[in-house]
N, C-alpha and C. Protein backbone atom coordinates (compact mmCIF):
# COMPACT_ATOMS: atom_id res chain seq x y z
N MET A 1 -19.61 102.32 -85.09
CA MET A 1 -20.11 102.19 -86.23
C MET A 1 -19.87 103.94 -86.98
N PRO A 2 -19.74 104.61 -85.97
CA PRO A 2 -19.45 106.18 -86.60
C PRO A 2 -18.40 106.57 -87.49
N ALA A 3 -17.37 105.24 -87.22
CA ALA A 3 -16.12 105.62 -88.02
C ALA A 3 -16.32 105.11 -89.86
N ALA A 4 -17.39 104.60 -90.14
CA ALA A 4 -17.77 104.27 -91.35
C ALA A 4 -18.25 105.48 -92.26
N PRO A 5 -18.83 106.46 -91.69
CA PRO A 5 -19.39 107.35 -92.70
C PRO A 5 -17.88 108.19 -93.06
N GLY A 6 -17.13 108.30 -91.96
CA GLY A 6 -16.14 109.00 -91.89
C GLY A 6 -14.92 108.54 -93.33
N LEU A 7 -14.94 107.18 -93.21
CA LEU A 7 -14.11 106.58 -94.05
C LEU A 7 -14.81 106.89 -95.19
N ALA A 8 -15.89 106.31 -95.30
CA ALA A 8 -16.57 106.32 -96.97
C ALA A 8 -16.23 107.67 -97.42
N GLU A 9 -16.66 109.05 -96.64
CA GLU A 9 -16.46 110.29 -96.96
C GLU A 9 -14.98 110.33 -97.28
N ALA A 10 -14.05 110.06 -96.71
CA ALA A 10 -12.69 110.05 -97.21
C ALA A 10 -12.19 109.48 -98.41
N LEU A 11 -12.75 107.84 -98.80
CA LEU A 11 -12.51 107.79 -100.01
C LEU A 11 -13.27 108.22 -100.95
N LEU A 12 -14.28 109.00 -100.58
CA LEU A 12 -14.88 109.72 -102.27
C LEU A 12 -14.01 110.83 -102.65
N VAL A 13 -13.54 111.52 -101.00
CA VAL A 13 -12.73 112.70 -101.42
C VAL A 13 -11.18 112.10 -102.21
N VAL A 14 -10.69 110.93 -101.91
CA VAL A 14 -9.47 110.43 -102.41
C VAL A 14 -10.26 109.84 -104.21
N LEU A 15 -11.37 109.73 -104.62
CA LEU A 15 -11.47 109.34 -105.79
C LEU A 15 -11.99 110.57 -106.56
N ARG A 16 -12.33 111.75 -105.67
CA ARG A 16 -12.67 112.97 -106.74
C ARG A 16 -11.29 113.59 -106.92
N TRP A 17 -10.05 112.96 -105.84
CA TRP A 17 -8.89 114.02 -106.16
C TRP A 17 -8.24 113.24 -107.81
N LEU A 18 -8.50 112.00 -107.68
CA LEU A 18 -7.82 111.05 -108.45
C LEU A 18 -8.60 111.21 -109.77
N HIS A 19 -9.91 111.56 -109.48
CA HIS A 19 -10.51 112.00 -111.13
C HIS A 19 -9.90 113.45 -111.37
N ALA A 20 -10.06 114.34 -110.53
CA ALA A 20 -9.39 115.58 -110.96
C ALA A 20 -7.92 115.74 -111.48
N VAL A 21 -7.06 114.90 -110.60
CA VAL A 21 -5.68 114.34 -111.48
C VAL A 21 -5.41 113.93 -112.57
N ALA A 22 -6.33 112.89 -112.99
CA ALA A 22 -6.62 112.15 -114.51
C ALA A 22 -6.94 113.20 -115.68
N SER A 23 -7.83 114.24 -115.01
CA SER A 23 -8.17 115.28 -116.13
C SER A 23 -7.21 116.21 -116.54
N ILE A 24 -6.50 116.45 -115.18
CA ILE A 24 -5.53 117.83 -115.42
C ILE A 24 -3.93 116.92 -116.36
N VAL A 25 -3.85 115.72 -115.79
CA VAL A 25 -2.45 115.00 -116.44
C VAL A 25 -2.93 114.86 -118.23
N PHE A 26 -4.31 114.58 -118.36
CA PHE A 26 -4.73 114.37 -119.91
C PHE A 26 -4.67 115.40 -120.63
N LEU A 27 -5.27 116.60 -120.26
CA LEU A 27 -5.33 117.77 -120.43
C LEU A 27 -3.87 118.75 -120.91
N GLY A 28 -3.28 118.50 -119.67
CA GLY A 28 -2.12 119.01 -119.42
C GLY A 28 -1.11 118.47 -120.53
N TRP A 29 -0.96 117.15 -120.67
CA TRP A 29 -0.07 116.66 -121.24
C TRP A 29 -0.91 116.85 -123.00
N SER A 30 -1.99 116.99 -123.27
CA SER A 30 -2.32 117.09 -124.63
C SER A 30 -1.70 118.59 -125.20
N ALA A 31 -2.03 119.44 -124.18
CA ALA A 31 -1.66 121.05 -124.36
C ALA A 31 -0.67 121.18 -124.97
N VAL A 32 0.65 120.68 -123.88
CA VAL A 32 1.99 120.75 -124.22
C VAL A 32 2.21 120.01 -125.28
N LEU A 33 1.60 118.96 -125.90
CA LEU A 33 1.98 118.58 -127.31
C LEU A 33 1.20 119.36 -128.38
N TRP A 34 0.54 119.84 -127.90
CA TRP A 34 -0.66 120.73 -129.19
C TRP A 34 0.36 121.92 -129.45
N LEU A 35 0.73 122.63 -128.28
CA LEU A 35 1.68 124.22 -128.28
C LEU A 35 2.85 123.74 -128.92
N ASP A 36 3.67 122.60 -128.37
CA ASP A 36 4.83 122.60 -128.37
C ASP A 36 5.59 121.54 -129.60
N GLY A 37 4.76 120.55 -129.43
CA GLY A 37 5.09 119.32 -129.87
C GLY A 37 5.79 118.16 -129.24
N PRO A 38 6.14 117.08 -129.88
CA PRO A 38 6.81 116.40 -129.01
C PRO A 38 8.14 116.60 -128.45
N PRO A 39 8.52 116.56 -127.18
CA PRO A 39 9.68 116.64 -126.57
C PRO A 39 11.18 116.10 -127.70
N LEU A 40 11.93 117.48 -127.66
CA LEU A 40 13.16 116.87 -128.96
C LEU A 40 12.82 116.17 -130.23
N GLY A 41 11.56 116.50 -130.34
CA GLY A 41 11.07 116.16 -131.68
C GLY A 41 11.10 114.34 -131.92
N GLU A 42 11.11 113.76 -130.98
CA GLU A 42 10.77 112.60 -130.62
C GLU A 42 9.46 112.08 -130.79
N VAL A 43 9.24 111.84 -132.03
CA VAL A 43 7.75 111.56 -132.45
C VAL A 43 7.02 110.41 -131.63
N SER A 44 7.96 109.07 -132.24
CA SER A 44 7.40 107.71 -132.05
C SER A 44 7.19 107.84 -130.63
N ALA A 45 8.34 108.31 -129.79
CA ALA A 45 8.31 107.78 -128.43
C ALA A 45 6.90 108.99 -127.86
N ALA A 46 7.01 109.82 -128.25
CA ALA A 46 5.72 110.75 -128.00
C ALA A 46 4.30 110.10 -127.93
N ARG A 47 4.50 109.73 -129.15
CA ARG A 47 3.23 108.82 -129.67
C ARG A 47 2.80 107.83 -128.42
N ARG A 48 3.87 107.08 -128.10
CA ARG A 48 3.74 105.99 -127.25
C ARG A 48 3.49 106.43 -125.86
N ARG A 49 4.18 107.68 -125.39
CA ARG A 49 3.97 108.14 -124.22
C ARG A 49 2.54 108.56 -123.97
N PHE A 50 2.31 109.33 -125.21
CA PHE A 50 0.66 109.68 -125.15
C PHE A 50 -0.35 108.95 -125.19
N LYS A 51 -0.05 108.04 -125.79
CA LYS A 51 -1.13 106.68 -125.74
C LYS A 51 -1.02 105.93 -124.60
N GLU A 52 -0.11 105.56 -123.61
CA GLU A 52 0.00 105.72 -122.44
C GLU A 52 -0.73 106.26 -121.23
N VAL A 53 -0.46 107.75 -121.51
CA VAL A 53 -1.28 108.84 -120.82
C VAL A 53 -2.83 108.76 -121.01
N THR A 54 -3.13 108.54 -122.73
CA THR A 54 -4.56 108.55 -122.42
C THR A 54 -4.93 107.47 -121.99
N GLU A 55 -4.79 106.44 -122.25
CA GLU A 55 -5.38 105.01 -121.69
C GLU A 55 -5.37 104.90 -120.25
N LEU A 56 -4.27 105.40 -119.52
CA LEU A 56 -4.22 105.37 -118.02
C LEU A 56 -5.25 106.24 -117.78
N THR A 57 -5.38 107.69 -118.26
CA THR A 57 -6.11 108.55 -117.58
C THR A 57 -7.73 108.20 -117.85
N LEU A 58 -8.17 107.64 -118.79
CA LEU A 58 -9.14 107.27 -119.28
C LEU A 58 -9.90 106.01 -118.34
N LEU A 59 -8.59 105.02 -118.13
CA LEU A 59 -9.17 103.70 -117.22
C LEU A 59 -9.37 104.61 -115.84
N VAL A 60 -8.87 105.50 -115.31
CA VAL A 60 -8.68 106.14 -114.16
C VAL A 60 -10.50 106.86 -114.09
N LEU A 61 -10.48 108.07 -115.06
CA LEU A 61 -11.39 108.47 -115.08
C LEU A 61 -12.94 107.63 -115.16
N LEU A 62 -12.87 106.65 -116.23
CA LEU A 62 -13.93 105.46 -115.86
C LEU A 62 -14.16 105.16 -114.54
N ALA A 63 -12.92 104.61 -113.98
CA ALA A 63 -13.62 103.92 -112.78
C ALA A 63 -13.55 104.66 -111.91
N THR A 64 -13.14 105.97 -111.47
CA THR A 64 -13.53 106.94 -110.45
C THR A 64 -14.85 107.61 -110.77
N GLY A 65 -15.05 107.86 -112.25
CA GLY A 65 -16.38 108.20 -112.52
C GLY A 65 -17.47 107.38 -112.32
N ALA A 66 -17.44 106.29 -112.27
CA ALA A 66 -18.49 105.14 -111.94
C ALA A 66 -19.15 105.48 -110.43
N VAL A 67 -18.00 105.26 -109.92
CA VAL A 67 -18.12 105.52 -108.36
C VAL A 67 -19.17 106.80 -107.97
N LEU A 68 -18.41 107.71 -108.33
CA LEU A 68 -18.61 109.18 -108.19
C LEU A 68 -20.20 109.28 -108.39
N THR A 69 -20.40 108.83 -109.62
CA THR A 69 -21.82 109.02 -110.52
C THR A 69 -22.79 108.17 -109.38
N PHE A 70 -22.52 107.11 -109.10
CA PHE A 70 -23.23 106.16 -107.96
C PHE A 70 -23.65 106.85 -106.89
N ASP A 71 -22.64 107.48 -106.38
CA ASP A 71 -22.84 108.31 -104.86
C ASP A 71 -24.09 109.39 -105.04
N ARG A 72 -23.36 110.05 -105.95
CA ARG A 72 -24.54 111.07 -106.12
C ARG A 72 -25.65 110.79 -106.63
N LEU A 73 -25.91 110.23 -107.53
CA LEU A 73 -27.39 109.38 -108.17
C LEU A 73 -28.06 109.05 -106.62
N SER A 74 -27.12 108.16 -106.06
CA SER A 74 -27.90 107.31 -104.84
C SER A 74 -28.36 108.25 -103.86
N ARG A 75 -27.95 109.31 -103.89
CA ARG A 75 -27.89 110.70 -102.82
C ARG A 75 -29.16 111.50 -103.30
N GLY A 76 -29.84 111.17 -104.00
CA GLY A 76 -30.97 111.49 -104.80
C GLY A 76 -30.28 112.92 -105.92
N ALA A 77 -29.48 113.24 -106.50
CA ALA A 77 -29.52 114.21 -107.70
C ALA A 77 -30.61 113.62 -108.31
N GLY A 78 -31.25 114.60 -108.94
CA GLY A 78 -32.20 114.37 -110.06
C GLY A 78 -31.91 114.50 -111.47
N GLY A 79 -33.19 114.86 -112.21
CA GLY A 79 -32.93 114.85 -113.83
C GLY A 79 -32.14 116.05 -114.38
N VAL A 80 -31.97 117.26 -113.41
CA VAL A 80 -31.01 118.02 -113.94
C VAL A 80 -29.57 117.67 -113.82
N TYR A 81 -29.12 117.48 -112.64
CA TYR A 81 -27.80 116.56 -112.47
C TYR A 81 -27.69 115.66 -113.72
N ALA A 82 -28.41 114.83 -113.83
CA ALA A 82 -28.28 113.60 -114.90
C ALA A 82 -28.07 114.16 -116.30
N ALA A 83 -28.89 115.25 -116.30
CA ALA A 83 -28.80 115.75 -118.17
C ALA A 83 -26.84 116.46 -118.48
N VAL A 84 -27.01 117.07 -117.25
CA VAL A 84 -25.77 117.71 -117.09
C VAL A 84 -24.13 116.63 -117.03
N LEU A 85 -24.74 115.84 -116.33
CA LEU A 85 -23.90 114.54 -116.45
C LEU A 85 -23.71 114.03 -117.55
N ALA A 86 -24.81 113.50 -118.68
CA ALA A 86 -24.81 113.16 -119.88
C ALA A 86 -24.21 114.14 -120.93
N LEU A 87 -24.02 115.26 -120.57
CA LEU A 87 -23.22 116.42 -121.44
C LEU A 87 -21.77 116.40 -121.60
N LYS A 88 -21.52 116.17 -119.99
CA LYS A 88 -20.47 116.08 -119.55
C LYS A 88 -19.55 114.39 -120.21
N VAL A 89 -20.48 113.57 -119.96
CA VAL A 89 -19.77 112.31 -120.45
C VAL A 89 -19.63 112.40 -122.25
N ALA A 90 -20.54 112.99 -122.60
CA ALA A 90 -20.63 113.30 -124.28
C ALA A 90 -19.23 114.05 -124.61
N CYS A 91 -18.93 115.19 -123.81
CA CYS A 91 -17.65 115.85 -123.92
C CYS A 91 -16.80 115.22 -123.89
N ALA A 92 -16.25 114.13 -122.71
CA ALA A 92 -15.22 113.81 -122.58
C ALA A 92 -15.29 112.48 -123.81
N VAL A 93 -16.30 112.19 -124.46
CA VAL A 93 -16.25 110.74 -125.01
C VAL A 93 -15.62 111.45 -126.69
N VAL A 94 -16.12 112.81 -126.93
CA VAL A 94 -15.38 113.24 -127.92
C VAL A 94 -13.67 113.65 -127.86
N ALA A 95 -13.63 114.36 -126.69
CA ALA A 95 -12.22 114.71 -126.04
C ALA A 95 -11.35 113.33 -126.49
N TYR A 96 -12.08 112.11 -125.99
CA TYR A 96 -10.82 111.04 -126.11
C TYR A 96 -10.76 110.40 -127.88
N GLN A 97 -11.89 110.34 -128.21
CA GLN A 97 -11.99 110.12 -129.45
C GLN A 97 -10.80 110.69 -130.59
N PHE A 98 -11.00 112.23 -130.01
CA PHE A 98 -10.13 113.10 -131.24
C PHE A 98 -8.61 112.78 -130.49
N ALA A 99 -8.44 112.58 -129.29
CA ALA A 99 -6.87 111.91 -128.55
C ALA A 99 -6.73 110.94 -129.41
N PHE A 100 -7.31 109.92 -129.20
CA PHE A 100 -7.05 108.76 -130.54
C PHE A 100 -6.79 108.94 -132.00
N ARG A 101 -7.56 109.73 -132.56
CA ARG A 101 -7.34 110.39 -133.79
C ARG A 101 -5.95 111.06 -134.01
N TRP A 102 -5.69 112.21 -133.19
CA TRP A 102 -4.49 112.80 -132.87
C TRP A 102 -3.45 112.11 -133.04
N ARG A 103 -3.54 110.72 -132.17
CA ARG A 103 -2.01 110.23 -131.88
C ARG A 103 -1.74 109.42 -133.39
N ARG A 104 -2.84 108.86 -134.00
CA ARG A 104 -2.98 107.97 -135.31
C ARG A 104 -2.00 108.62 -135.96
N VAL A 105 -2.64 110.10 -136.38
CA VAL A 105 -1.79 110.67 -137.10
C VAL A 105 -0.49 111.55 -137.04
N GLY A 106 0.11 111.39 -135.84
CA GLY A 106 1.44 111.67 -135.60
C GLY A 106 1.53 112.92 -134.56
N LEU A 107 0.44 113.29 -133.76
CA LEU A 107 0.61 114.53 -132.68
C LEU A 107 1.10 115.92 -133.84
N PRO A 108 0.52 116.18 -134.78
CA PRO A 108 1.35 117.30 -135.51
C PRO A 108 0.75 118.58 -134.37
N VAL A 109 1.77 119.56 -134.27
CA VAL A 109 1.61 120.98 -133.58
C VAL A 109 0.42 121.48 -133.93
N GLY A 110 -0.50 121.97 -133.18
CA GLY A 110 -1.50 122.87 -133.87
C GLY A 110 -2.74 121.79 -134.44
N ALA A 111 -2.63 120.83 -134.60
CA ALA A 111 -3.62 119.74 -135.28
C ALA A 111 -5.05 120.36 -135.00
N LEU A 112 -5.86 120.30 -135.93
CA LEU A 112 -7.28 120.10 -135.56
C LEU A 112 -7.82 119.31 -134.19
N ASP A 113 -7.36 117.81 -134.73
CA ASP A 113 -7.73 117.16 -133.96
C ASP A 113 -7.42 117.48 -132.47
N GLY A 114 -6.04 118.15 -132.08
CA GLY A 114 -5.66 118.46 -130.80
C GLY A 114 -6.31 119.34 -130.43
N ARG A 115 -6.82 120.42 -131.36
CA ARG A 115 -7.62 121.62 -130.82
C ARG A 115 -9.20 121.23 -130.25
N ILE A 116 -9.68 120.33 -131.03
CA ILE A 116 -10.77 119.63 -130.56
C ILE A 116 -10.91 118.82 -129.20
N LEU A 117 -9.93 118.34 -129.19
CA LEU A 117 -9.39 117.35 -127.89
C LEU A 117 -9.62 118.70 -127.00
N LEU A 118 -8.80 119.71 -126.95
CA LEU A 118 -8.69 120.49 -126.06
C LEU A 118 -9.90 121.31 -125.69
N ILE A 119 -10.64 121.56 -126.66
CA ILE A 119 -12.04 122.52 -126.53
C ILE A 119 -13.07 121.55 -125.83
N PHE A 120 -12.95 119.99 -126.11
CA PHE A 120 -14.06 119.11 -125.45
C PHE A 120 -13.52 118.85 -124.26
N GLY A 121 -12.34 118.82 -123.63
CA GLY A 121 -11.79 118.44 -122.60
C GLY A 121 -12.08 119.89 -121.67
N ALA A 122 -11.98 120.96 -122.07
CA ALA A 122 -12.36 122.23 -121.04
C ALA A 122 -13.66 122.10 -121.07
N ALA A 123 -14.37 121.97 -122.07
CA ALA A 123 -16.21 121.90 -121.73
C ALA A 123 -16.31 120.78 -120.61
N THR A 124 -15.87 119.49 -121.03
CA THR A 124 -16.05 118.58 -119.69
C THR A 124 -15.66 119.03 -118.43
N VAL A 125 -14.49 119.67 -118.26
CA VAL A 125 -14.27 120.23 -117.03
C VAL A 125 -15.48 121.17 -116.54
N PHE A 126 -15.65 122.31 -117.57
CA PHE A 126 -16.65 123.26 -116.87
C PHE A 126 -18.43 122.36 -116.74
N PHE A 127 -18.12 121.35 -117.47
CA PHE A 127 -19.65 120.64 -116.68
C PHE A 127 -19.78 119.83 -115.66
N ALA A 128 -18.31 119.58 -115.18
CA ALA A 128 -17.80 118.94 -114.03
C ALA A 128 -17.92 120.03 -113.03
N ALA A 129 -18.02 121.25 -113.21
CA ALA A 129 -17.90 122.46 -111.94
C ALA A 129 -19.42 122.47 -112.06
N LEU A 130 -20.07 122.67 -112.97
CA LEU A 130 -21.54 122.98 -113.07
C LEU A 130 -22.10 121.63 -112.42
N LEU A 131 -21.80 120.33 -112.69
CA LEU A 131 -22.45 119.20 -111.92
C LEU A 131 -22.13 119.47 -110.30
N LYS A 132 -21.21 119.84 -109.91
CA LYS A 132 -21.03 120.03 -108.42
C LYS A 132 -21.75 121.35 -107.84
N GLY A 133 -22.05 122.19 -108.73
CA GLY A 133 -22.95 123.20 -108.19
C GLY A 133 -24.32 122.93 -108.21
N VAL A 134 -24.89 122.11 -109.36
CA VAL A 134 -26.44 121.69 -109.41
C VAL A 134 -26.29 120.42 -107.96
N PHE A 135 -25.39 119.78 -107.42
CA PHE A 135 -25.65 118.69 -106.56
C PHE A 135 -25.55 119.52 -105.16
N ASP A 136 -24.60 120.58 -105.08
CA ASP A 136 -24.86 121.07 -104.03
C ASP A 136 -25.87 122.15 -103.80
N SER A 137 -26.55 122.40 -104.81
CA SER A 137 -27.68 123.51 -104.67
C SER A 137 -29.14 122.57 -104.35
N GLY A 138 -28.94 121.53 -104.66
CA GLY A 138 -30.16 120.68 -104.32
C GLY A 138 -31.33 120.65 -105.71
N VAL A 139 -30.73 121.27 -106.74
CA VAL A 139 -31.72 121.19 -108.04
C VAL A 139 -32.05 119.85 -108.38
N SER A 140 -33.13 119.44 -108.53
CA SER A 140 -33.35 118.05 -108.94
C SER A 140 -34.14 117.97 -110.36
N GLY A 141 -34.83 118.97 -110.63
CA GLY A 141 -35.46 118.90 -111.88
C GLY A 141 -36.88 118.52 -112.02
N ALA A 142 -37.16 118.11 -110.76
CA ALA A 142 -38.36 117.46 -110.15
C ALA A 142 -39.45 118.69 -110.22
N SER A 143 -40.92 118.45 -110.50
CA SER A 143 -41.98 119.45 -109.94
C SER A 143 -42.43 119.22 -108.77
C-alpha cells in the first residue's frame, strides 16, 4: 500500500508539468506572433495554428487545473488560496478571450488584443506562483 502515495504524488508532478508547459506554449506562441507576426507572412496558416494551440492549451489547462485545484482544496487550502485562485482563473479567462478576439481579426503585429492577452497571461503566471507560496506557507485566511 505505501506505493500509492508515491504514485499519486508522481501523477501530480506530471500534471503540474503539463499545466506549466501548456502555459509556456500558449504565452510563447502568442508573444512570437505579437512581436514578429505570422511566419513568412502566412496569415491564414498562422491563424489556424494559433487556433489549434489556443484550443489545445485551453483543454490541457482546464483538465490539469481542475485536478490540481481539487487536490489543493482537499488538502485544506483556505480562503486566501481560493481568493488568489479566483484571480488567477479570471486573468486566464481574460487572456483566452483576447486570444480568440485577436485571432478573429487576423493576428496583427503589436495589436491591442495581443498585448492584453500577454498582460493577463503574465498576471495568470504571477498568480500561479503566488498560489504556490500561499499553499506552502499554510496561510488559510481563517481566524
